[in-house]
PDB file of N, CA and C in Angstrom:
ATOM      1  N   UNK A   1     101.912 112.299   8.311  1.00  0.00           N
ATOM      2  CA  UNK A   1     101.938 111.002   7.689  1.00  0.00           C
ATOM      3  C   UNK A   1     100.579 110.353   7.887  1.00  0.00           C
ATOM      4  N   UNK A   2      99.998 109.837   6.828  1.00  0.00           N
ATOM      5  CA  UNK A   2      98.688 109.228   6.908  1.00  0.00           C
ATOM      6  C   UNK A   2      98.724 107.881   7.603  1.00  0.00           C
ATOM      7  N   UNK A   3      97.529 107.432   8.038  1.00  0.00           N
ATOM      8  CA  UNK A   3      97.444 106.166   8.746  1.00  0.00           C
ATOM      9  C   UNK A   3      97.872 105.007   7.860  1.00  0.00           C
ATOM     10  N   UNK A   4      97.457 105.006   6.608  1.00  0.00           N
ATOM     11  CA  UNK A   4      97.805 103.928   5.700  1.00  0.00           C
ATOM     12  C   UNK A   4      99.305 103.890   5.445  1.00  0.00           C
ATOM     13  N   UNK A   5      99.914 105.057   5.225  1.00  0.00           N
ATOM     14  CA  UNK A   5     101.341 105.071   4.933  1.00  0.00           C
ATOM     15  C   UNK A   5     102.160 104.657   6.154  1.00  0.00           C
ATOM     16  N   UNK A   6     101.688 104.954   7.379  1.00  0.00           N
ATOM     17  CA  UNK A   6     102.398 104.531   8.580  1.00  0.00           C
ATOM     18  C   UNK A   6     102.424 103.006   8.634  1.00  0.00           C
ATOM     19  N   UNK A   7     101.304 102.371   8.343  1.00  0.00           N
ATOM     20  CA  UNK A   7     101.225 100.914   8.347  1.00  0.00           C
ATOM     21  C   UNK A   7     102.136 100.345   7.269  1.00  0.00           C
ATOM     22  N   UNK A   8     102.196 100.992   6.108  1.00  0.00           N
ATOM     23  CA  UNK A   8     103.058 100.516   5.030  1.00  0.00           C
ATOM     24  C   UNK A   8     104.528 100.687   5.398  1.00  0.00           C
ATOM     25  N   UNK A   9     104.880 101.802   6.052  1.00  0.00           N
ATOM     26  CA  UNK A   9     106.265 102.032   6.457  1.00  0.00           C
ATOM     27  C   UNK A   9     106.747 100.949   7.422  1.00  0.00           C
ATOM     28  N   UNK A  10     105.860 100.483   8.280  1.00  0.00           N
ATOM     29  CA  UNK A  10     106.217  99.460   9.243  1.00  0.00           C
ATOM     30  C   UNK A  10     106.178  98.064   8.636  1.00  0.00           C
ATOM     31  N   UNK A  11     105.629  97.973   7.427  1.00  0.00           N
ATOM     32  CA  UNK A  11     105.489  96.692   6.754  1.00  0.00           C
ATOM     33  C   UNK A  11     104.722  95.709   7.622  1.00  0.00           C
ATOM     34  N   UNK A  12     103.647  96.199   8.237  1.00  0.00           N
ATOM     35  CA  UNK A  12     102.807  95.368   9.085  1.00  0.00           C
ATOM     36  C   UNK A  12     101.704  94.785   8.225  1.00  0.00           C
ATOM     37  N   UNK A  13     101.671  93.490   8.153  1.00  0.00           N
ATOM     38  CA  UNK A  13     100.649  92.820   7.348  1.00  0.00           C
ATOM     39  C   UNK A  13      99.324  92.846   8.091  1.00  0.00           C
ATOM     40  N   UNK A  14      98.267  92.825   7.320  1.00  0.00           N
ATOM     41  CA  UNK A  14      96.952  92.743   7.931  1.00  0.00           C
ATOM     42  C   UNK A  14      96.841  91.417   8.653  1.00  0.00           C
ATOM     43  N   UNK A  15      96.165  91.385   9.799  1.00  0.00           N
ATOM     44  CA  UNK A  15      96.051  90.145  10.536  1.00  0.00           C
ATOM     45  C   UNK A  15      95.384  89.067   9.687  1.00  0.00           C
ATOM     46  N   UNK A  16      95.879  87.841   9.779  1.00  0.00           N
ATOM     47  CA  UNK A  16      95.320  86.721   9.040  1.00  0.00           C
ATOM     48  C   UNK A  16      94.618  85.806  10.012  1.00  0.00           C
ATOM     49  N   UNK A  17      93.683  85.045   9.495  1.00  0.00           N
ATOM     50  CA  UNK A  17      93.006  84.060  10.323  1.00  0.00           C
ATOM     51  C   UNK A  17      93.981  82.924  10.573  1.00  0.00           C
ATOM     52  N   UNK A  18      94.113  82.527  11.823  1.00  0.00           N
ATOM     53  CA  UNK A  18      95.056  81.467  12.174  1.00  0.00           C
ATOM     54  C   UNK A  18      94.502  80.113  11.773  1.00  0.00           C
ATOM     55  N   UNK A  19      95.387  79.226  11.388  1.00  0.00           N
ATOM     56  CA  UNK A  19      95.009  77.855  11.064  1.00  0.00           C
ATOM     57  C   UNK A  19      95.813  76.921  11.939  1.00  0.00           C
ATOM     58  N   UNK A  20      95.507  75.639  11.874  1.00  0.00           N
ATOM     59  CA  UNK A  20      96.255  74.671  12.663  1.00  0.00           C
ATOM     60  C   UNK A  20      97.724  74.661  12.274  1.00  0.00           C
ATOM     61  N   UNK A  21      98.023  74.976  11.008  1.00  0.00           N
ATOM     62  CA  UNK A  21      99.396  74.946  10.543  1.00  0.00           C
ATOM     63  C   UNK A  21     100.175  76.206  10.908  1.00  0.00           C
ATOM     64  N   UNK A  22      99.510  77.276  11.278  1.00  0.00           N
ATOM     65  CA  UNK A  22     100.219  78.514  11.577  1.00  0.00           C
ATOM     66  C   UNK A  22     100.940  78.401  12.914  1.00  0.00           C
ATOM     67  N   UNK A  23     101.978  79.209  13.082  1.00  0.00           N
ATOM     68  CA  UNK A  23     102.754  79.124  14.314  1.00  0.00           C
ATOM     69  C   UNK A  23     102.109  79.924  15.437  1.00  0.00           C
ATOM     70  N   UNK A  24     102.721  79.822  16.618  1.00  0.00           N
ATOM     71  CA  UNK A  24     102.171  80.454  17.817  1.00  0.00           C
ATOM     72  C   UNK A  24     102.083  81.975  17.679  1.00  0.00           C
ATOM     73  N   UNK A  25     103.080  82.607  17.043  1.00  0.00           N
ATOM     74  CA  UNK A  25     103.043  84.058  16.869  1.00  0.00           C
ATOM     75  C   UNK A  25     101.853  84.457  16.007  1.00  0.00           C
ATOM     76  N   UNK A  26     101.635  83.724  14.943  1.00  0.00           N
ATOM     77  CA  UNK A  26     100.520  84.035  14.051  1.00  0.00           C
ATOM     78  C   UNK A  26      99.180  83.920  14.738  1.00  0.00           C
ATOM     79  N   UNK A  27      99.015  82.878  15.545  1.00  0.00           N
ATOM     80  CA  UNK A  27      97.731  82.686  16.228  1.00  0.00           C
ATOM     81  C   UNK A  27      97.484  83.776  17.262  1.00  0.00           C
ATOM     82  N   UNK A  28      98.523  84.123  18.027  1.00  0.00           N
ATOM     83  CA  UNK A  28      98.350  85.162  19.047  1.00  0.00           C
ATOM     84  C   UNK A  28      98.037  86.498  18.388  1.00  0.00           C
ATOM     85  N   UNK A  29      98.796  86.865  17.353  1.00  0.00           N
ATOM     86  CA  UNK A  29      98.596  88.152  16.690  1.00  0.00           C
ATOM     87  C   UNK A  29      97.262  88.215  15.970  1.00  0.00           C
ATOM     88  N   UNK A  30      96.782  87.091  15.445  1.00  0.00           N
ATOM     89  CA  UNK A  30      95.495  87.070  14.756  1.00  0.00           C
ATOM     90  C   UNK A  30      94.356  87.382  15.725  1.00  0.00           C
ATOM     91  N   UNK A  31      94.519  86.985  16.983  1.00  0.00           N
ATOM     92  CA  UNK A  31      93.491  87.252  17.982  1.00  0.00           C
ATOM     93  C   UNK A  31      93.419  88.725  18.363  1.00  0.00           C
ATOM     94  N   UNK A  32      94.452  89.488  18.076  1.00  0.00           N
ATOM     95  CA  UNK A  32      94.521  90.872  18.526  1.00  0.00           C
ATOM     96  C   UNK A  32      93.948  91.881  17.530  1.00  0.00           C
ATOM     97  N   UNK A  33      93.469  91.415  16.385  1.00  0.00           N
ATOM     98  CA  UNK A  33      92.886  92.265  15.336  1.00  0.00           C
ATOM     99  C   UNK A  33      93.866  93.363  14.919  1.00  0.00           C
ATOM    100  N   UNK A  34      93.504  94.628  15.075  1.00  0.00           N
ATOM    101  CA  UNK A  34      94.331  95.739  14.609  1.00  0.00           C
ATOM    102  C   UNK A  34      95.346  96.221  15.648  1.00  0.00           C
ATOM    103  N   UNK A  35      95.421  95.555  16.776  1.00  0.00           N
ATOM    104  CA  UNK A  35      96.345  95.962  17.828  1.00  0.00           C
ATOM    105  C   UNK A  35      97.745  95.471  17.475  1.00  0.00           C
ATOM    106  N   UNK A  36      98.726  96.349  17.636  1.00  0.00           N
ATOM    107  CA  UNK A  36     100.106  96.042  17.280  1.00  0.00           C
ATOM    108  C   UNK A  36     100.952  95.993  18.550  1.00  0.00           C
ATOM    109  N   UNK A  37     101.819  94.992  18.624  1.00  0.00           N
ATOM    110  CA  UNK A  37     102.777  94.866  19.711  1.00  0.00           C
ATOM    111  C   UNK A  37     104.153  94.799  19.065  1.00  0.00           C
ATOM    112  N   UNK A  38     105.030  95.747  19.403  1.00  0.00           N
ATOM    113  CA  UNK A  38     106.340  95.800  18.775  1.00  0.00           C
ATOM    114  C   UNK A  38     107.403  96.181  19.795  1.00  0.00           C
ATOM    115  N   UNK A  39     108.684  95.863  19.486  1.00  0.00           N
ATOM    116  CA  UNK A  39     109.787  96.257  20.366  1.00  0.00           C
ATOM    117  C   UNK A  39     110.927  96.811  19.528  1.00  0.00           C
ATOM    118  N   UNK A  40     111.749  97.642  20.175  1.00  0.00           N
ATOM    119  CA  UNK A  40     112.954  98.196  19.559  1.00  0.00           C
ATOM    120  C   UNK A  40     113.982  98.432  20.660  1.00  0.00           C
ATOM    121  N   UNK A  41     115.249  98.523  20.271  1.00  0.00           N
ATOM    122  CA  UNK A  41     116.301  98.855  21.236  1.00  0.00           C
ATOM    123  C   UNK A  41     116.094 100.276  21.739  1.00  0.00           C
ATOM    124  N   UNK A  42     116.430 100.494  22.979  1.00  0.00           N
ATOM    125  CA  UNK A  42     116.306 101.824  23.574  1.00  0.00           C
ATOM    126  C   UNK A  42     117.689 102.452  23.678  1.00  0.00           C
ATOM    127  N   UNK A  43     117.909 103.517  22.919  1.00  0.00           N
ATOM    128  CA  UNK A  43     119.191 104.216  22.959  1.00  0.00           C
ATOM    129  C   UNK A  43     119.179 105.395  23.917  1.00  0.00           C
ATOM    130  N   UNK A  44     117.980 105.788  24.327  1.00  0.00           N
ATOM    131  CA  UNK A  44     117.833 106.933  25.222  1.00  0.00           C
ATOM    132  C   UNK A  44     116.603 106.668  26.089  1.00  0.00           C
ATOM    133  N   UNK A  45     116.675 106.891  27.402  1.00  0.00           N
ATOM    134  CA  UNK A  45     115.571 106.509  28.286  1.00  0.00           C
ATOM    135  C   UNK A  45     114.253 107.254  28.062  1.00  0.00           C
ATOM    136  N   UNK A  46     114.292 108.412  27.416  1.00  0.00           N
ATOM    137  CA  UNK A  46     113.052 109.163  27.242  1.00  0.00           C
ATOM    138  C   UNK A  46     112.708 109.447  25.780  1.00  0.00           C
ATOM    139  N   UNK A  47     113.481 108.911  24.833  1.00  0.00           N
ATOM    140  CA  UNK A  47     113.206 109.136  23.415  1.00  0.00           C
ATOM    141  C   UNK A  47     112.632 107.889  22.769  1.00  0.00           C
ATOM    142  N   UNK A  48     111.722 108.114  21.830  1.00  0.00           N
ATOM    143  CA  UNK A  48     111.136 107.009  21.084  1.00  0.00           C
ATOM    144  C   UNK A  48     111.998 106.689  19.862  1.00  0.00           C
ATOM    145  N   UNK A  49     112.264 105.409  19.617  1.00  0.00           N
ATOM    146  CA  UNK A  49     112.989 105.042  18.394  1.00  0.00           C
ATOM    147  C   UNK A  49     112.130 105.326  17.159  1.00  0.00           C
ATOM    148  N   UNK A  50     112.757 105.397  15.999  1.00  0.00           N
ATOM    149  CA  UNK A  50     112.007 105.540  14.752  1.00  0.00           C
ATOM    150  C   UNK A  50     111.152 104.298  14.542  1.00  0.00           C
ATOM    151  N   UNK A  51     110.015 104.469  13.887  1.00  0.00           N
ATOM    152  CA  UNK A  51     109.106 103.350  13.679  1.00  0.00           C
ATOM    153  C   UNK A  51     109.739 102.201  12.903  1.00  0.00           C
ATOM    154  N   UNK A  52     110.672 102.502  12.007  1.00  0.00           N
ATOM    155  CA  UNK A  52     111.293 101.435  11.222  1.00  0.00           C
ATOM    156  C   UNK A  52     112.265 100.573  12.038  1.00  0.00           C
ATOM    157  N   UNK A  53     112.547 100.950  13.286  1.00  0.00           N
ATOM    158  CA  UNK A  53     113.428 100.173  14.153  1.00  0.00           C
ATOM    159  C   UNK A  53     112.677  99.099  14.937  1.00  0.00           C
ATOM    160  N   UNK A  54     111.367  99.129  14.920  1.00  0.00           N
ATOM    161  CA  UNK A  54     110.554  98.192  15.691  1.00  0.00           C
ATOM    162  C   UNK A  54     110.360  96.876  14.945  1.00  0.00           C
ATOM    163  N   UNK A  55     110.280  95.778  15.704  1.00  0.00           N
ATOM    164  CA  UNK A  55     109.931  94.464  15.168  1.00  0.00           C
ATOM    165  C   UNK A  55     108.700  93.952  15.912  1.00  0.00           C
ATOM    166  N   UNK A  56     107.924  93.137  15.238  1.00  0.00           N
ATOM    167  CA  UNK A  56     106.681  92.652  15.822  1.00  0.00           C
ATOM    168  C   UNK A  56     106.951  91.580  16.871  1.00  0.00           C
ATOM    169  N   UNK A  57     106.159  91.609  17.930  1.00  0.00           N
ATOM    170  CA  UNK A  57     106.213  90.617  18.998  1.00  0.00           C
ATOM    171  C   UNK A  57     104.806  90.096  19.230  1.00  0.00           C
ATOM    172  N   UNK A  58     104.710  88.979  19.943  1.00  0.00           N
ATOM    173  CA  UNK A  58     103.401  88.401  20.283  1.00  0.00           C
ATOM    174  C   UNK A  58     103.284  88.329  21.800  1.00  0.00           C
ATOM    175  N   UNK A  59     102.366  89.088  22.396  1.00  0.00           N
ATOM    176  CA  UNK A  59     102.260  89.131  23.857  1.00  0.00           C
ATOM    177  C   UNK A  59     101.820  87.790  24.434  1.00  0.00           C
ATOM    178  N   UNK A  60     102.366  87.471  25.589  1.00  0.00           N
ATOM    179  CA  UNK A  60     101.968  86.249  26.307  1.00  0.00           C
ATOM    180  C   UNK A  60     101.238  86.617  27.585  1.00  0.00           C
ATOM    181  N   UNK A  61     101.787  87.610  28.303  1.00  0.00           N
ATOM    182  CA  UNK A  61     101.220  88.008  29.581  1.00  0.00           C
ATOM    183  C   UNK A  61     101.524  89.492  29.794  1.00  0.00           C
ATOM    184  N   UNK A  62     100.550  90.234  30.277  1.00  0.00           N
ATOM    185  CA  UNK A  62     100.732  91.663  30.533  1.00  0.00           C
ATOM    186  C   UNK A  62     100.091  92.008  31.853  1.00  0.00           C
ATOM    187  N   UNK A  63     100.858  92.687  32.712  1.00  0.00           N
ATOM    188  CA  UNK A  63     100.316  93.183  33.975  1.00  0.00           C
ATOM    189  C   UNK A  63     100.696  94.655  34.093  1.00  0.00           C
ATOM    190  N   UNK A  64     100.399  95.252  35.209  1.00  0.00           N
ATOM    191  CA  UNK A  64     100.688  96.679  35.393  1.00  0.00           C
ATOM    192  C   UNK A  64     102.194  96.976  35.366  1.00  0.00           C
ATOM    193  N   UNK A  65     103.031  96.015  35.768  1.00  0.00           N
ATOM    194  CA  UNK A  65     104.467  96.282  35.866  1.00  0.00           C
ATOM    195  C   UNK A  65     105.342  95.338  35.048  1.00  0.00           C
ATOM    196  N   UNK A  66     104.762  94.318  34.434  1.00  0.00           N
ATOM    197  CA  UNK A  66     105.564  93.353  33.675  1.00  0.00           C
ATOM    198  C   UNK A  66     104.864  92.962  32.377  1.00  0.00           C
ATOM    199  N   UNK A  67     105.652  92.422  31.453  1.00  0.00           N
ATOM    200  CA  UNK A  67     105.122  91.855  30.224  1.00  0.00           C
ATOM    201  C   UNK A  67     106.028  90.699  29.827  1.00  0.00           C
ATOM    202  N   UNK A  68     105.429  89.684  29.237  1.00  0.00           N
ATOM    203  CA  UNK A  68     106.220  88.630  28.600  1.00  0.00           C
ATOM    204  C   UNK A  68     105.668  88.468  27.194  1.00  0.00           C
ATOM    205  N   UNK A  69     106.559  88.112  26.275  1.00  0.00           N
ATOM    206  CA  UNK A  69     106.149  88.005  24.882  1.00  0.00           C
ATOM    207  C   UNK A  69     107.066  87.052  24.127  1.00  0.00           C
ATOM    208  N   UNK A  70     106.566  86.588  22.983  1.00  0.00           N
ATOM    209  CA  UNK A  70     107.346  85.772  22.069  1.00  0.00           C
ATOM    210  C   UNK A  70     107.867  86.674  20.953  1.00  0.00           C
ATOM    211  N   UNK A  71     109.070  86.387  20.480  1.00  0.00           N
ATOM    212  CA  UNK A  71     109.595  87.088  19.315  1.00  0.00           C
ATOM    213  C   UNK A  71     110.521  86.154  18.547  1.00  0.00           C
ATOM    214  N   UNK A  72     110.821  86.513  17.307  1.00  0.00           N
ATOM    215  CA  UNK A  72     111.629  85.637  16.471  1.00  0.00           C
ATOM    216  C   UNK A  72     113.127  85.870  16.636  1.00  0.00           C
ATOM    217  N   UNK A  73     113.499  86.933  17.347  1.00  0.00           N
ATOM    218  CA  UNK A  73     114.913  87.186  17.621  1.00  0.00           C
ATOM    219  C   UNK A  73     115.040  87.689  19.056  1.00  0.00           C
ATOM    220  N   UNK A  74     116.220  87.499  19.623  1.00  0.00           N
ATOM    221  CA  UNK A  74     116.463  87.979  20.981  1.00  0.00           C
ATOM    222  C   UNK A  74     116.410  89.506  21.004  1.00  0.00           C
ATOM    223  N   UNK A  75     116.035  90.096  22.126  1.00  0.00           N
ATOM    224  CA  UNK A  75     116.034  91.558  22.212  1.00  0.00           C
ATOM    225  C   UNK A  75     117.419  92.117  21.895  1.00  0.00           C
ATOM    226  N   UNK A  76     117.478  93.257  21.217  1.00  0.00           N
ATOM    227  CA  UNK A  76     118.760  93.829  20.810  1.00  0.00           C
ATOM    228  C   UNK A  76     119.587  94.387  21.966  1.00  0.00           C
ATOM    229  N   UNK A  77     118.967  94.640  23.101  1.00  0.00           N
ATOM    230  CA  UNK A  77     119.680  95.160  24.270  1.00  0.00           C
ATOM    231  C   UNK A  77     118.846  94.896  25.515  1.00  0.00           C
ATOM    232  N   UNK A  78     119.409  95.189  26.684  1.00  0.00           N
ATOM    233  CA  UNK A  78     118.663  95.019  27.933  1.00  0.00           C
ATOM    234  C   UNK A  78     117.565  96.060  28.078  1.00  0.00           C
ATOM    235  N   UNK A  79     117.785  97.236  27.535  1.00  0.00           N
ATOM    236  CA  UNK A  79     116.789  98.301  27.580  1.00  0.00           C
ATOM    237  C   UNK A  79     116.062  98.346  26.239  1.00  0.00           C
ATOM    238  N   UNK A  80     114.745  98.210  26.292  1.00  0.00           N
ATOM    239  CA  UNK A  80     113.959  98.221  25.064  1.00  0.00           C
ATOM    240  C   UNK A  80     112.785  99.179  25.201  1.00  0.00           C
ATOM    241  N   UNK A  81     112.193  99.501  24.073  1.00  0.00           N
ATOM    242  CA  UNK A  81     110.965 100.290  24.030  1.00  0.00           C
ATOM    243  C   UNK A  81     109.900  99.417  23.401  1.00  0.00           C
ATOM    244  N   UNK A  82     108.736  99.379  24.010  1.00  0.00           N
ATOM    245  CA  UNK A  82     107.610  98.623  23.476  1.00  0.00           C
ATOM    246  C   UNK A  82     106.588  99.590  22.909  1.00  0.00           C
ATOM    247  N   UNK A  83     106.038  99.246  21.786  1.00  0.00           N
ATOM    248  CA  UNK A  83     104.951 100.001  21.168  1.00  0.00           C
ATOM    249  C   UNK A  83     103.723  99.118  21.280  1.00  0.00           C
ATOM    250  N   UNK A  84     102.694  99.609  21.946  1.00  0.00           N
ATOM    251  CA  UNK A  84     101.479  98.838  22.192  1.00  0.00           C
ATOM    252  C   UNK A  84     100.266  99.641  21.754  1.00  0.00           C
ATOM    253  N   UNK A  85      99.386  99.039  20.991  1.00  0.00           N
ATOM    254  CA  UNK A  85      98.154  99.712  20.618  1.00  0.00           C
ATOM    255  C   UNK A  85      97.906  99.706  19.134  1.00  0.00           C
ATOM    256  N   UNK A  86      97.013 100.578  18.705  1.00  0.00           N
ATOM    257  CA  UNK A  86      96.649 100.674  17.299  1.00  0.00           C
ATOM    258  C   UNK A  86      97.445 101.778  16.623  1.00  0.00           C
ATOM    259  N   UNK A  87      98.009 101.455  15.462  1.00  0.00           N
ATOM    260  CA  UNK A  87      98.774 102.462  14.728  1.00  0.00           C
ATOM    261  C   UNK A  87      97.883 103.601  14.254  1.00  0.00           C
ATOM    262  N   UNK A  88      96.615 103.282  13.992  1.00  0.00           N
ATOM    263  CA  UNK A  88      95.684 104.311  13.522  1.00  0.00           C
ATOM    264  C   UNK A  88      95.321 105.297  14.626  1.00  0.00           C
ATOM    265  N   UNK A  89      95.474 104.880  15.853  1.00  0.00           N
ATOM    266  CA  UNK A  89      95.158 105.748  16.987  1.00  0.00           C
ATOM    267  C   UNK A  89      96.417 106.379  17.538  1.00  0.00           C
ATOM    268  N   UNK A  90      96.542 106.355  18.832  1.00  0.00           N
ATOM    269  CA  UNK A  90      97.705 106.900  19.506  1.00  0.00           C
ATOM    270  C   UNK A  90      98.344 105.773  20.302  1.00  0.00           C
ATOM    271  N   UNK A  91      99.292 105.025  19.693  1.00  0.00           N
ATOM    272  CA  UNK A  91      99.874 103.883  20.410  1.00  0.00           C
ATOM    273  C   UNK A  91     100.649 104.331  21.646  1.00  0.00           C
ATOM    274  N   UNK A  92     100.809 103.410  22.575  1.00  0.00           N
ATOM    275  CA  UNK A  92     101.522 103.669  23.814  1.00  0.00           C
ATOM    276  C   UNK A  92     102.964 103.198  23.653  1.00  0.00           C
ATOM    277  N   UNK A  93     103.902 104.028  24.065  1.00  0.00           N
ATOM    278  CA  UNK A  93     105.313 103.673  24.071  1.00  0.00           C
ATOM    279  C   UNK A  93     105.736 103.513  25.530  1.00  0.00           C
ATOM    280  N   UNK A  94     106.345 102.374  25.847  1.00  0.00           N
ATOM    281  CA  UNK A  94     106.754 102.085  27.218  1.00  0.00           C
ATOM    282  C   UNK A  94     108.197 101.607  27.202  1.00  0.00           C
ATOM    283  N   UNK A  95     109.020 102.172  28.086  1.00  0.00           N
ATOM    284  CA  UNK A  95     110.382 101.651  28.208  1.00  0.00           C
ATOM    285  C   UNK A  95     110.348 100.455  29.155  1.00  0.00           C
ATOM    286  N   UNK A  96     111.231  99.494  28.894  1.00  0.00           N
ATOM    287  CA  UNK A  96     111.247  98.265  29.677  1.00  0.00           C
ATOM    288  C   UNK A  96     112.668  97.751  29.798  1.00  0.00           C
ATOM    289  N   UNK A  97     112.884  96.940  30.836  1.00  0.00           N
ATOM    290  CA  UNK A  97     114.174  96.290  31.061  1.00  0.00           C
ATOM    291  C   UNK A  97     113.952  94.788  30.937  1.00  0.00           C
ATOM    292  N   UNK A  98     114.750  94.144  30.098  1.00  0.00           N
ATOM    293  CA  UNK A  98     114.639  92.702  29.903  1.00  0.00           C
ATOM    294  C   UNK A  98     115.146  91.994  31.150  1.00  0.00           C
ATOM    295  N   UNK A  99     114.296  91.131  31.728  1.00  0.00           N
ATOM    296  CA  UNK A  99     114.678  90.380  32.924  1.00  0.00           C
ATOM    297  C   UNK A  99     114.971  88.918  32.614  1.00  0.00           C
ATOM    298  N   UNK A 100     114.433  88.411  31.509  1.00  0.00           N
ATOM    299  CA  UNK A 100     114.707  87.029  31.111  1.00  0.00           C
ATOM    300  C   UNK A 100     114.516  86.882  29.611  1.00  0.00           C
ATOM    301  N   UNK A 101     115.253  85.955  29.050  1.00  0.00           N
ATOM    302  CA  UNK A 101     115.129  85.646  27.624  1.00  0.00           C
ATOM    303  C   UNK A 101     115.465  84.169  27.455  1.00  0.00           C
ATOM    304  N   UNK A 102     114.472  83.388  27.090  1.00  0.00           N
ATOM    305  CA  UNK A 102     114.644  81.956  26.954  1.00  0.00           C
ATOM    306  C   UNK A 102     114.462  81.559  25.498  1.00  0.00           C
ATOM    307  N   UNK A 103     115.500  80.960  24.944  1.00  0.00           N
ATOM    308  CA  UNK A 103     115.414  80.479  23.569  1.00  0.00           C
ATOM    309  C   UNK A 103     114.799  79.090  23.588  1.00  0.00           C
ATOM    310  N   UNK A 104     113.903  78.842  22.649  1.00  0.00           N
ATOM    311  CA  UNK A 104     113.274  77.531  22.588  1.00  0.00           C
ATOM    312  C   UNK A 104     112.650  77.296  21.235  1.00  0.00           C
ATOM    313  N   UNK A 105     112.054  76.162  21.107  1.00  0.00           N
ATOM    314  CA  UNK A 105     111.351  75.818  19.874  1.00  0.00           C
ATOM    315  C   UNK A 105     109.886  75.640  20.205  1.00  0.00           C
ATOM    316  N   UNK A 106     109.054  76.444  19.614  1.00  0.00           N
ATOM    317  CA  UNK A 106     107.617  76.336  19.747  1.00  0.00           C
ATOM    318  C   UNK A 106     107.087  75.984  18.368  1.00  0.00           C
ATOM    319  N   UNK A 107     106.408  74.863  18.304  1.00  0.00           N
ATOM    320  CA  UNK A 107     105.865  74.379  17.042  1.00  0.00           C
ATOM    321  C   UNK A 107     106.942  74.274  15.967  1.00  0.00           C
ATOM    322  N   UNK A 108     108.097  73.746  16.367  1.00  0.00           N
ATOM    323  CA  UNK A 108     109.229  73.481  15.479  1.00  0.00           C
ATOM    324  C   UNK A 108     109.873  74.730  14.886  1.00  0.00           C
ATOM    325  N   UNK A 109     109.652  75.863  15.500  1.00  0.00           N
ATOM    326  CA  UNK A 109     110.282  77.099  15.036  1.00  0.00           C
ATOM    327  C   UNK A 109     111.009  77.740  16.208  1.00  0.00           C
ATOM    328  N   UNK A 110     112.199  78.241  15.926  1.00  0.00           N
ATOM    329  CA  UNK A 110     112.981  78.894  16.975  1.00  0.00           C
ATOM    330  C   UNK A 110     112.304  80.210  17.358  1.00  0.00           C
ATOM    331  N   UNK A 111     112.058  80.364  18.636  1.00  0.00           N
ATOM    332  CA  UNK A 111     111.434  81.572  19.175  1.00  0.00           C
ATOM    333  C   UNK A 111     112.103  81.910  20.491  1.00  0.00           C
ATOM    334  N   UNK A 112     111.893  83.129  20.935  1.00  0.00           N
ATOM    335  CA  UNK A 112     112.407  83.587  22.224  1.00  0.00           C
ATOM    336  C   UNK A 112     111.228  84.005  23.079  1.00  0.00           C
ATOM    337  N   UNK A 113     111.221  83.561  24.313  1.00  0.00           N
ATOM    338  CA  UNK A 113     110.236  84.007  25.292  1.00  0.00           C
ATOM    339  C   UNK A 113     110.952  85.015  26.169  1.00  0.00           C
ATOM    340  N   UNK A 114     110.479  86.257  26.132  1.00  0.00           N
ATOM    341  CA  UNK A 114     111.150  87.369  26.795  1.00  0.00           C
ATOM    342  C   UNK A 114     110.270  87.904  27.919  1.00  0.00           C
ATOM    343  N   UNK A 115     110.875  88.133  29.076  1.00  0.00           N
ATOM    344  CA  UNK A 115     110.191  88.747  30.206  1.00  0.00           C
ATOM    345  C   UNK A 115     110.797  90.112  30.481  1.00  0.00           C
ATOM    346  N   UNK A 116     109.957  91.086  30.799  1.00  0.00           N
ATOM    347  CA  UNK A 116     110.434  92.458  31.026  1.00  0.00           C
ATOM    348  C   UNK A 116     109.708  93.110  32.195  1.00  0.00           C
ATOM    349  N   UNK A 117     110.432  94.007  32.856  1.00  0.00           N
ATOM    350  CA  UNK A 117     109.817  94.924  33.822  1.00  0.00           C
ATOM    351  C   UNK A 117     109.549  96.226  33.080  1.00  0.00           C
ATOM    352  N   UNK A 118     108.329  96.712  33.169  1.00  0.00           N
ATOM    353  CA  UNK A 118     107.979  97.985  32.555  1.00  0.00           C
ATOM    354  C   UNK A 118     108.452  99.114  33.471  1.00  0.00           C
ATOM    355  N   UNK A 119     109.145 100.094  32.900  1.00  0.00           N
ATOM    356  CA  UNK A 119     109.726 101.138  33.741  1.00  0.00           C
ATOM    357  C   UNK A 119     109.004 102.477  33.668  1.00  0.00           C
ATOM    358  N   UNK A 120     108.612 102.892  32.458  1.00  0.00           N
ATOM    359  CA  UNK A 120     107.913 104.177  32.356  1.00  0.00           C
ATOM    360  C   UNK A 120     107.285 104.318  30.984  1.00  0.00           C
ATOM    361  N   UNK A 121     106.261 105.125  30.913  1.00  0.00           N
ATOM    362  CA  UNK A 121     105.651 105.468  29.627  1.00  0.00           C
ATOM    363  C   UNK A 121     106.426 106.619  29.036  1.00  0.00           C
ATOM    364  N   UNK A 122     106.706 106.545  27.741  1.00  0.00           N
ATOM    365  CA  UNK A 122     107.446 107.634  27.098  1.00  0.00           C
ATOM    366  C   UNK A 122     106.670 108.184  25.916  1.00  0.00           C
TER     367      UNK A 122
END
C-alpha cells in the first residue's frame, strides 16, 4: 500500500494552520506537522488493530511510561492501542491502559482528557 493511499484510507486531513477560532485539538495537531497521534480499542494484547479502527487524538503530555491526550470521544475500552509517528515512515504502536478519563468542555466543545499508562510496544 502506498504512502498516499494509507493517508487516504485513514481519512487524515493535512495539518491546517491554527487560528484563534480553531479548537484546542486543531491547534495542538497543527503544531505536530506530519506526526499522527491516534488510538483504537485493543482486542488482543499483542496485535495491532486495522488502521481504519483508529481515531485521531491530540497529545497533551508524554513521558516514558505515561501519556495524556484530548479526544472527541471517550476511549472505547480500558485497553487501547496508540499509533504515534509519521504514516509515511514506520509509526510506533504502543498498548496502553486507560487510568483516567475526564469529560469537559474546552473552548465550548465537548472533549475528553484521557490519561494512560503505557504498557508495551507492539
